[in-house]
Structure formats: C-alpha cells, structure tokens
Protein backbone atom coordinates (compact mmCIF):
# COMPACT_ATOMS: atom_id res chain seq x y z
CA MET A 1 -19.16 -10.74 -1.20
CA SER A 2 -16.61 -9.44 1.27
CA LYS A 3 -17.26 -9.58 4.98
CA GLY A 4 -14.69 -6.88 5.42
CA ILE A 5 -11.24 -6.89 6.91
CA GLU A 6 -10.68 -5.94 10.49
CA ARG A 7 -8.14 -3.09 10.62
CA PRO A 8 -7.61 -2.99 6.83
CA ASP A 9 -4.87 -0.36 6.98
CA GLU A 10 -2.74 -2.62 9.18
CA VAL A 11 -3.31 -5.56 6.86
CA TYR A 12 -2.38 -3.45 3.84
CA GLU A 13 0.82 -2.30 5.52
CA ALA A 14 1.69 -5.90 6.40
CA LEU A 15 1.23 -6.92 2.75
CA ILE A 16 3.39 -4.05 1.55
CA GLU A 17 6.08 -4.99 4.07
CA LEU A 18 5.86 -8.64 3.02
CA HIS A 19 7.00 -7.65 -0.48
CA ARG A 20 9.58 -5.05 0.49
CA ASP A 21 12.95 -5.65 -1.21
CA LEU A 22 11.76 -8.77 -3.06
CA ASP A 23 12.28 -9.29 -6.77
CA ASP A 24 9.32 -10.27 -8.95
CA ALA A 25 9.98 -14.01 -8.73
CA SER A 26 10.25 -13.91 -4.94
CA SER A 27 7.07 -11.84 -4.71
CA ARG A 28 5.20 -14.40 -6.82
CA ARG A 29 6.46 -17.26 -4.63
CA ILE A 30 5.48 -15.51 -1.42
CA ASP A 31 2.05 -14.65 -2.89
CA ALA A 32 1.54 -18.31 -3.79
CA ARG A 33 2.54 -19.39 -0.28
CA LEU A 34 0.22 -16.83 1.30
CA ILE A 35 -2.66 -18.01 -0.91
CA LEU A 36 -2.10 -21.60 0.23
CA LEU A 37 -1.95 -20.56 3.88
CA LEU A 38 -5.16 -18.52 3.56
CA ALA A 39 -6.89 -21.38 1.72
CA ALA A 40 -5.91 -23.79 4.48
CA GLU A 41 -7.27 -21.34 7.06
CA ILE A 42 -10.59 -20.98 5.19
CA GLY A 43 -10.81 -24.71 4.65
CA ASN A 44 -14.27 -24.90 3.08
CA ALA A 45 -13.99 -26.13 -0.54
CA ASP A 46 -17.20 -24.42 -1.69
CA THR A 47 -16.07 -21.10 -0.27
CA LEU A 48 -12.64 -21.46 -1.86
CA LYS A 49 -14.11 -22.32 -5.28
CA ARG A 50 -16.45 -19.31 -5.06
CA LEU A 51 -13.54 -17.02 -4.23
CA ILE A 52 -11.38 -18.50 -7.01
CA ALA A 53 -14.19 -17.92 -9.51
CA ALA A 54 -14.66 -14.34 -8.29
CA ALA A 55 -10.94 -13.63 -8.65
CA ARG A 56 -10.95 -15.02 -12.18
CA GLU A 57 -14.01 -12.97 -13.14
CA GLU A 58 -12.24 -9.82 -11.99
CA ALA A 59 -9.11 -10.75 -13.93
CA ASP A 60 -11.12 -11.50 -17.07
CA ALA A 61 -13.09 -8.24 -16.75
CA GLY A 62 -9.84 -6.32 -16.40
CA ARG A 63 -8.48 -7.59 -19.71
CA GLY A 64 -11.71 -7.77 -21.69
CA ALA A 65 -13.97 -10.72 -22.38
CA SER A 66 -12.54 -11.31 -25.86
CA SER A 67 -9.04 -12.13 -24.58
CA PRO A 68 -7.96 -15.75 -24.82
CA THR A 69 -8.01 -17.70 -21.58
CA HIS A 70 -4.58 -18.22 -20.04
CA GLY A 71 -3.41 -21.82 -19.94
CA ARG A 72 -6.04 -23.22 -22.31
C-alpha cells in the first residue's frame, strides 16, 4: 500500500519533535490538525477513504475482531 517515505528517519524525527513537551490532549489536537493538513494535501477522496479504512483495519486487528466498535 505504501509508496514509501523519502528520508523516513528525518520524518520520524520531525514527528517526535512535534510532540516534544506536549501533554496528551495537546498531542491529540496536533495529530488531528496534522491529519487534516495531510488529507488536504492528498485531496483525492477515494485515496483518503482507502487510507482511512486501512487505518481502521489495523486498529481493529490490534485489539481483536471481537471488540465492540468505538462510537457505535
């Protein structure tokens, strides 16, 4: 699925630095803002929906298929 990230170590460091000295609530807000910025950059609705579904599948797999769905 992934095309790969150019210079992944630099990107990882930037993400770590983004969260440095933030409390949990601030980290969640900045993650949400980053997601919206990345979505706007991608732009294509089909691509975004595919990526959203992939993220959810990974989250569901990580907690087991029998877990209740959050928010439903």
